């Protein structure tokens, strides 16, 4: 399960980077 969601997360972050999506969020969002 760890491998599965780590890989999924990595792919989503790569997609955000390629598309230039915002990745800088306030700490409240990270808490959520």
ModelCIF file with pLDDT and N, C-alpha, C, O atoms, coordinates in Angstrom:
data_MODEL
#
_entry.id   MODEL 
#
_entity.id                         1 
_entity.type                       polymer 
_entity.pdbx_number_of_molecules   1 
#
_entity_poly.entity_id                      1 
_entity_poly.type                           'polypeptide(L)' 
_entity_poly.nstd_linkage                   no 
_entity_poly.nstd_monomer                   no 
_entity_poly.pdbx_seq_one_letter_code       
;(UNK)(UNK)(UNK)(UNK)(UNK)(UNK)(UNK)(UNK)(UNK)(UNK)(UNK)(UNK)(UNK)(UNK)(UNK)(UNK)
(UNK)(UNK)(UNK)(UNK)(UNK)(UNK)(UNK)(UNK)(UNK)(UNK)(UNK)(UNK)(UNK)(UNK)(UNK)(UNK)
;
_entity_poly.pdbx_seq_one_letter_code_can   XXXXXXXXXXXXXXXXXXXXXXXXXXXXXXXX 
_entity_poly.pdbx_strand_id                 A 
#
loop_
_entity_poly_seq.entity_id 
_entity_poly_seq.num 
_entity_poly_seq.mon_id 
_entity_poly_seq.hetero 
1 1  UNK n 
1 2  UNK n 
1 3  UNK n 
1 4  UNK n 
1 5  UNK n 
1 6  UNK n 
1 7  UNK n 
1 8  UNK n 
1 9  UNK n 
1 10 UNK n 
1 11 UNK n 
1 12 UNK n 
1 13 UNK n 
1 14 UNK n 
1 15 UNK n 
1 16 UNK n 
1 17 UNK n 
1 18 UNK n 
1 19 UNK n 
1 20 UNK n 
1 21 UNK n 
1 22 UNK n 
1 23 UNK n 
1 24 UNK n 
1 25 UNK n 
1 26 UNK n 
1 27 UNK n 
1 28 UNK n 
1 29 UNK n 
1 30 UNK n 
1 31 UNK n 
1 32 UNK n 
#
_struct_asym.id          A 
_struct_asym.entity_id   1 
#
loop_
_ma_qa_metric.id 
_ma_qa_metric.mode 
_ma_qa_metric.name 
_ma_qa_metric.software_group_id 
_ma_qa_metric.type 
1 global pLDDT . pLDDT 
2 local  pLDDT . pLDDT 
#
_ma_qa_metric_global.metric_id      1 
_ma_qa_metric_global.metric_value   97.00 
_ma_qa_metric_global.model_id       1 
_ma_qa_metric_global.ordinal_id     1 
#
loop_
_ma_qa_metric_local.label_asym_id 
_ma_qa_metric_local.label_comp_id 
_ma_qa_metric_local.label_seq_id 
_ma_qa_metric_local.metric_id 
_ma_qa_metric_local.metric_value 
_ma_qa_metric_local.model_id 
_ma_qa_metric_local.ordinal_id 
A UNK 1  2 94.00 1 1  
A UNK 2  2 96.00 1 2  
A UNK 3  2 97.00 1 3  
A UNK 4  2 97.00 1 4  
A UNK 5  2 97.00 1 5  
A UNK 6  2 98.00 1 6  
A UNK 7  2 98.00 1 7  
A UNK 8  2 98.00 1 8  
A UNK 9  2 98.00 1 9  
A UNK 10 2 98.00 1 10 
A UNK 11 2 98.00 1 11 
A UNK 12 2 98.00 1 12 
A UNK 13 2 98.00 1 13 
A UNK 14 2 98.00 1 14 
A UNK 15 2 97.00 1 15 
A UNK 16 2 98.00 1 16 
A UNK 17 2 97.00 1 17 
A UNK 18 2 97.00 1 18 
A UNK 19 2 96.00 1 19 
A UNK 20 2 97.00 1 20 
A UNK 21 2 97.00 1 21 
A UNK 22 2 96.00 1 22 
A UNK 23 2 97.00 1 23 
A UNK 24 2 96.00 1 24 
A UNK 25 2 97.00 1 25 
A UNK 26 2 96.00 1 26 
A UNK 27 2 96.00 1 27 
A UNK 28 2 95.00 1 28 
A UNK 29 2 97.00 1 29 
A UNK 30 2 98.00 1 30 
A UNK 31 2 97.00 1 31 
A UNK 32 2 97.00 1 32 
#
loop_
_atom_site.group_PDB 
_atom_site.id 
_atom_site.type_symbol 
_atom_site.label_atom_id 
_atom_site.label_alt_id 
_atom_site.label_comp_id 
_atom_site.label_asym_id 
_atom_site.label_entity_id 
_atom_site.label_seq_id 
_atom_site.pdbx_PDB_ins_code 
_atom_site.Cartn_x 
_atom_site.Cartn_y 
_atom_site.Cartn_z 
_atom_site.occupancy 
_atom_site.B_iso_or_equiv 
_atom_site.pdbx_formal_charge 
_atom_site.auth_seq_id 
_atom_site.auth_comp_id 
_atom_site.auth_asym_id 
_atom_site.auth_atom_id 
_atom_site.pdbx_PDB_model_num 
ATOM 1   N N  . UNK A 1 1  ? 0.838  -1.201 0.000   1.00 94.00 ? 1  UNK A N  1 
ATOM 2   C CA . UNK A 1 1  ? 0.000  0.000  0.000   1.00 94.00 ? 1  UNK A CA 1 
ATOM 3   C C  . UNK A 1 1  ? 0.874  1.252  0.000   1.00 94.00 ? 1  UNK A C  1 
ATOM 4   O O  . UNK A 1 1  ? 0.556  2.229  -0.679  1.00 94.00 ? 1  UNK A O  1 
ATOM 5   N N  . UNK A 1 2  ? 1.978  1.232  0.760   1.00 96.00 ? 2  UNK A N  1 
ATOM 6   C CA . UNK A 1 2  ? 2.903  2.365  0.783   1.00 96.00 ? 2  UNK A CA 1 
ATOM 7   C C  . UNK A 1 2  ? 3.478  2.595  -0.606  1.00 96.00 ? 2  UNK A C  1 
ATOM 8   O O  . UNK A 1 2  ? 3.471  3.721  -1.104  1.00 96.00 ? 2  UNK A O  1 
ATOM 9   N N  . UNK A 1 3  ? 3.981  1.525  -1.239  1.00 97.00 ? 3  UNK A N  1 
ATOM 10  C CA . UNK A 1 3  ? 4.540  1.670  -2.591  1.00 97.00 ? 3  UNK A CA 1 
ATOM 11  C C  . UNK A 1 3  ? 3.501  2.225  -3.552  1.00 97.00 ? 3  UNK A C  1 
ATOM 12  O O  . UNK A 1 3  ? 3.802  3.082  -4.382  1.00 97.00 ? 3  UNK A O  1 
ATOM 13  N N  . UNK A 1 4  ? 2.277  1.731  -3.431  1.00 97.00 ? 4  UNK A N  1 
ATOM 14  C CA . UNK A 1 4  ? 1.202  2.161  -4.338  1.00 97.00 ? 4  UNK A CA 1 
ATOM 15  C C  . UNK A 1 4  ? 0.936  3.657  -4.232  1.00 97.00 ? 4  UNK A C  1 
ATOM 16  O O  . UNK A 1 4  ? 0.895  4.349  -5.250  1.00 97.00 ? 4  UNK A O  1 
ATOM 17  N N  . UNK A 1 5  ? 0.757  4.160  -3.029  1.00 97.00 ? 5  UNK A N  1 
ATOM 18  C CA . UNK A 1 5  ? 0.393  5.564  -2.879  1.00 97.00 ? 5  UNK A CA 1 
ATOM 19  C C  . UNK A 1 5  ? 1.592  6.500  -2.999  1.00 97.00 ? 5  UNK A C  1 
ATOM 20  O O  . UNK A 1 5  ? 1.430  7.661  -3.376  1.00 97.00 ? 5  UNK A O  1 
ATOM 21  N N  . UNK A 1 6  ? 2.787  6.017  -2.684  1.00 98.00 ? 6  UNK A N  1 
ATOM 22  C CA . UNK A 1 6  ? 3.968  6.831  -2.939  1.00 98.00 ? 6  UNK A CA 1 
ATOM 23  C C  . UNK A 1 6  ? 4.150  7.041  -4.437  1.00 98.00 ? 6  UNK A C  1 
ATOM 24  O O  . UNK A 1 6  ? 4.429  8.153  -4.885  1.00 98.00 ? 6  UNK A O  1 
ATOM 25  N N  . UNK A 1 7  ? 3.992  5.970  -5.210  1.00 98.00 ? 7  UNK A N  1 
ATOM 26  C CA . UNK A 1 7  ? 4.112  6.075  -6.663  1.00 98.00 ? 7  UNK A CA 1 
ATOM 27  C C  . UNK A 1 7  ? 3.011  6.961  -7.232  1.00 98.00 ? 7  UNK A C  1 
ATOM 28  O O  . UNK A 1 7  ? 3.268  7.797  -8.098  1.00 98.00 ? 7  UNK A O  1 
ATOM 29  N N  . UNK A 1 8  ? 1.786  6.780  -6.749  1.00 98.00 ? 8  UNK A N  1 
ATOM 30  C CA . UNK A 1 8  ? 0.670  7.612  -7.220  1.00 98.00 ? 8  UNK A CA 1 
ATOM 31  C C  . UNK A 1 8  ? 0.921  9.086  -6.906  1.00 98.00 ? 8  UNK A C  1 
ATOM 32  O O  . UNK A 1 8  ? 0.673  9.958  -7.738  1.00 98.00 ? 8  UNK A O  1 
ATOM 33  N N  . UNK A 1 9  ? 1.411  9.352  -5.707  1.00 98.00 ? 9  UNK A N  1 
ATOM 34  C CA . UNK A 1 9  ? 1.712  10.733 -5.314  1.00 98.00 ? 9  UNK A CA 1 
ATOM 35  C C  . UNK A 1 9  ? 2.804  11.324 -6.192  1.00 98.00 ? 9  UNK A C  1 
ATOM 36  O O  . UNK A 1 9  ? 2.705  12.470 -6.629  1.00 98.00 ? 9  UNK A O  1 
ATOM 37  N N  . UNK A 1 10 ? 3.852  10.536 -6.449  1.00 98.00 ? 10 UNK A N  1 
ATOM 38  C CA . UNK A 1 10 ? 4.949  11.002 -7.301  1.00 98.00 ? 10 UNK A CA 1 
ATOM 39  C C  . UNK A 1 10 ? 4.442  11.351 -8.695  1.00 98.00 ? 10 UNK A C  1 
ATOM 40  O O  . UNK A 1 10 ? 4.841  12.367 -9.265  1.00 98.00 ? 10 UNK A O  1 
ATOM 41  N N  . UNK A 1 11 ? 3.565  10.518 -9.246  1.00 98.00 ? 11 UNK A N  1 
ATOM 42  C CA . UNK A 1 11 ? 3.010  10.774 -10.576 1.00 98.00 ? 11 UNK A CA 1 
ATOM 43  C C  . UNK A 1 11 ? 2.160  12.044 -10.585 1.00 98.00 ? 11 UNK A C  1 
ATOM 44  O O  . UNK A 1 11 ? 2.205  12.818 -11.542 1.00 98.00 ? 11 UNK A O  1 
ATOM 45  N N  . UNK A 1 12 ? 1.390  12.256 -9.524  1.00 98.00 ? 12 UNK A N  1 
ATOM 46  C CA . UNK A 1 12 ? 0.563  13.465 -9.448  1.00 98.00 ? 12 UNK A CA 1 
ATOM 47  C C  . UNK A 1 12 ? 1.418  14.722 -9.312  1.00 98.00 ? 12 UNK A C  1 
ATOM 48  O O  . UNK A 1 12 ? 1.107  15.751 -9.912  1.00 98.00 ? 12 UNK A O  1 
ATOM 49  N N  . UNK A 1 13 ? 2.498  14.645 -8.525  1.00 98.00 ? 13 UNK A N  1 
ATOM 50  C CA . UNK A 1 13 ? 3.390  15.790 -8.404  1.00 98.00 ? 13 UNK A CA 1 
ATOM 51  C C  . UNK A 1 13 ? 4.090  16.075 -9.738  1.00 98.00 ? 13 UNK A C  1 
ATOM 52  O O  . UNK A 1 13 ? 4.294  17.232 -10.106 1.00 98.00 ? 13 UNK A O  1 
ATOM 53  N N  . UNK A 1 14 ? 4.454  15.013 -10.453 1.00 98.00 ? 14 UNK A N  1 
ATOM 54  C CA . UNK A 1 14 ? 5.071  15.186 -11.773 1.00 98.00 ? 14 UNK A CA 1 
ATOM 55  C C  . UNK A 1 14 ? 4.100  15.871 -12.729 1.00 98.00 ? 14 UNK A C  1 
ATOM 56  O O  . UNK A 1 14 ? 4.492  16.742 -13.506 1.00 98.00 ? 14 UNK A O  1 
ATOM 57  N N  . UNK A 1 15 ? 2.832  15.472 -12.666 1.00 97.00 ? 15 UNK A N  1 
ATOM 58  C CA . UNK A 1 15 ? 1.808  16.088 -13.502 1.00 97.00 ? 15 UNK A CA 1 
ATOM 59  C C  . UNK A 1 15 ? 1.651  17.583 -13.163 1.00 97.00 ? 15 UNK A C  1 
ATOM 60  O O  . UNK A 1 15 ? 1.533  18.424 -14.055 1.00 97.00 ? 15 UNK A O  1 
ATOM 61  N N  . UNK A 1 16 ? 1.652  17.890 -11.868 1.00 98.00 ? 16 UNK A N  1 
ATOM 62  C CA . UNK A 1 16 ? 1.549  19.291 -11.443 1.00 98.00 ? 16 UNK A CA 1 
ATOM 63  C C  . UNK A 1 16 ? 2.725  20.102 -11.960 1.00 98.00 ? 16 UNK A C  1 
ATOM 64  O O  . UNK A 1 16 ? 2.562  21.239 -12.401 1.00 98.00 ? 16 UNK A O  1 
ATOM 65  N N  . UNK A 1 17 ? 3.923  19.503 -11.901 1.00 97.00 ? 17 UNK A N  1 
ATOM 66  C CA . UNK A 1 17 ? 5.125  20.198 -12.362 1.00 97.00 ? 17 UNK A CA 1 
ATOM 67  C C  . UNK A 1 17 ? 5.074  20.439 -13.868 1.00 97.00 ? 17 UNK A C  1 
ATOM 68  O O  . UNK A 1 17 ? 5.394  21.532 -14.336 1.00 97.00 ? 17 UNK A O  1 
ATOM 69  N N  . UNK A 1 18 ? 4.668  19.414 -14.629 1.00 97.00 ? 18 UNK A N  1 
ATOM 70  C CA . UNK A 1 18 ? 4.590  19.534 -16.087 1.00 97.00 ? 18 UNK A CA 1 
ATOM 71  C C  . UNK A 1 18 ? 3.559  20.578 -16.499 1.00 97.00 ? 18 UNK A C  1 
ATOM 72  O O  . UNK A 1 18 ? 3.788  21.361 -17.421 1.00 97.00 ? 18 UNK A O  1 
ATOM 73  N N  . UNK A 1 19 ? 2.425  20.579 -15.810 1.00 96.00 ? 19 UNK A N  1 
ATOM 74  C CA . UNK A 1 19 ? 1.350  21.503 -16.154 1.00 96.00 ? 19 UNK A CA 1 
ATOM 75  C C  . UNK A 1 19 ? 1.512  22.883 -15.508 1.00 96.00 ? 19 UNK A C  1 
ATOM 76  O O  . UNK A 1 19 ? 0.729  23.793 -15.779 1.00 96.00 ? 19 UNK A O  1 
ATOM 77  N N  . UNK A 1 20 ? 2.517  23.032 -14.665 1.00 97.00 ? 20 UNK A N  1 
ATOM 78  C CA . UNK A 1 20 ? 2.741  24.315 -14.008 1.00 97.00 ? 20 UNK A CA 1 
ATOM 79  C C  . UNK A 1 20 ? 1.690  24.648 -12.961 1.00 97.00 ? 20 UNK A C  1 
ATOM 80  O O  . UNK A 1 20 ? 1.384  25.817 -12.727 1.00 97.00 ? 20 UNK A O  1 
ATOM 81  N N  . UNK A 1 21 ? 1.134  23.604 -12.325 1.00 97.00 ? 21 UNK A N  1 
ATOM 82  C CA . UNK A 1 21 ? 0.100  23.826 -11.318 1.00 97.00 ? 21 UNK A CA 1 
ATOM 83  C C  . UNK A 1 21 ? 0.729  24.282 -10.003 1.00 97.00 ? 21 UNK A C  1 
ATOM 84  O O  . UNK A 1 21 ? 1.857  23.913 -9.678  1.00 97.00 ? 21 UNK A O  1 
ATOM 85  N N  . UNK A 1 22 ? 0.001  25.069 -9.274  1.00 96.00 ? 22 UNK A N  1 
ATOM 86  C CA . UNK A 1 22 ? 0.468  25.611 -8.000  1.00 96.00 ? 22 UNK A CA 1 
ATOM 87  C C  . UNK A 1 22 ? 0.759  24.496 -7.003  1.00 96.00 ? 22 UNK A C  1 
ATOM 88  O O  . UNK A 1 22 ? -0.036 23.573 -6.833  1.00 96.00 ? 22 UNK A O  1 
ATOM 89  N N  . UNK A 1 23 ? 1.926  24.599 -6.341  1.00 97.00 ? 23 UNK A N  1 
ATOM 90  C CA . UNK A 1 23 ? 2.290  23.624 -5.307  1.00 97.00 ? 23 UNK A CA 1 
ATOM 91  C C  . UNK A 1 23 ? 2.644  24.300 -3.986  1.00 97.00 ? 23 UNK A C  1 
ATOM 92  O O  . UNK A 1 23 ? 2.995  23.630 -3.015  1.00 97.00 ? 23 UNK A O  1 
ATOM 93  N N  . UNK A 1 24 ? 2.551  25.604 -3.953  1.00 96.00 ? 24 UNK A N  1 
ATOM 94  C CA . UNK A 1 24 ? 2.846  26.352 -2.729  1.00 96.00 ? 24 UNK A CA 1 
ATOM 95  C C  . UNK A 1 24 ? 1.531  26.720 -2.051  1.00 96.00 ? 24 UNK A C  1 
ATOM 96  O O  . UNK A 1 24 ? 0.777  27.554 -2.551  1.00 96.00 ? 24 UNK A O  1 
ATOM 97  N N  . UNK A 1 25 ? 1.260  26.088 -0.904  1.00 97.00 ? 25 UNK A N  1 
ATOM 98  C CA . UNK A 1 25 ? -0.005 26.283 -0.197  1.00 97.00 ? 25 UNK A CA 1 
ATOM 99  C C  . UNK A 1 25 ? 0.252  26.611 1.263   1.00 97.00 ? 25 UNK A C  1 
ATOM 100 O O  . UNK A 1 25 ? 1.301  26.248 1.795   1.00 97.00 ? 25 UNK A O  1 
ATOM 101 N N  . UNK A 1 26 ? -0.682 27.292 1.927   1.00 96.00 ? 26 UNK A N  1 
ATOM 102 C CA . UNK A 1 26 ? -0.528 27.614 3.352   1.00 96.00 ? 26 UNK A CA 1 
ATOM 103 C C  . UNK A 1 26 ? -0.583 26.360 4.215   1.00 96.00 ? 26 UNK A C  1 
ATOM 104 O O  . UNK A 1 26 ? -1.069 25.311 3.791   1.00 96.00 ? 26 UNK A O  1 
ATOM 105 N N  . UNK A 1 27 ? -0.076 26.494 5.430   1.00 96.00 ? 27 UNK A N  1 
ATOM 106 C CA . UNK A 1 27 ? 0.019  25.332 6.315   1.00 96.00 ? 27 UNK A CA 1 
ATOM 107 C C  . UNK A 1 27 ? -1.344 24.759 6.654   1.00 96.00 ? 27 UNK A C  1 
ATOM 108 O O  . UNK A 1 27 ? -1.448 23.566 6.941   1.00 96.00 ? 27 UNK A O  1 
ATOM 109 N N  . UNK A 1 28 ? -2.394 25.571 6.631   1.00 95.00 ? 28 UNK A N  1 
ATOM 110 C CA . UNK A 1 28 ? -3.742 25.065 6.933   1.00 95.00 ? 28 UNK A CA 1 
ATOM 111 C C  . UNK A 1 28 ? -4.184 24.031 5.898   1.00 95.00 ? 28 UNK A C  1 
ATOM 112 O O  . UNK A 1 28 ? -4.823 23.037 6.242   1.00 95.00 ? 28 UNK A O  1 
ATOM 113 N N  . UNK A 1 29 ? -3.842 24.270 4.631   1.00 97.00 ? 29 UNK A N  1 
ATOM 114 C CA . UNK A 1 29 ? -4.173 23.293 3.601   1.00 97.00 ? 29 UNK A CA 1 
ATOM 115 C C  . UNK A 1 29 ? -3.422 21.985 3.829   1.00 97.00 ? 29 UNK A C  1 
ATOM 116 O O  . UNK A 1 29 ? -3.972 20.899 3.645   1.00 97.00 ? 29 UNK A O  1 
ATOM 117 N N  . UNK A 1 30 ? -2.161 22.104 4.230   1.00 98.00 ? 30 UNK A N  1 
ATOM 118 C CA . UNK A 1 30 ? -1.381 20.895 4.500   1.00 98.00 ? 30 UNK A CA 1 
ATOM 119 C C  . UNK A 1 30 ? -1.947 20.137 5.702   1.00 98.00 ? 30 UNK A C  1 
ATOM 120 O O  . UNK A 1 30 ? -1.928 18.907 5.721   1.00 98.00 ? 30 UNK A O  1 
ATOM 121 N N  . UNK A 1 31 ? -2.441 20.850 6.686   1.00 97.00 ? 31 UNK A N  1 
ATOM 122 C CA . UNK A 1 31 ? -3.086 20.201 7.835   1.00 97.00 ? 31 UNK A CA 1 
ATOM 123 C C  . UNK A 1 31 ? -4.331 19.448 7.380   1.00 97.00 ? 31 UNK A C  1 
ATOM 124 O O  . UNK A 1 31 ? -4.598 18.337 7.838   1.00 97.00 ? 31 UNK A O  1 
ATOM 125 N N  . UNK A 1 32 ? -5.091 20.064 6.473   1.00 97.00 ? 32 UNK A N  1 
ATOM 126 C CA . UNK A 1 32 ? -6.274 19.389 5.925   1.00 97.00 ? 32 UNK A CA 1 
ATOM 127 C C  . UNK A 1 32 ? -5.884 18.131 5.156   1.00 97.00 ? 32 UNK A C  1 
ATOM 128 O O  . UNK A 1 32 ? -6.751 17.437 4.626   1.00 97.00 ? 32 UNK A O  1 
#
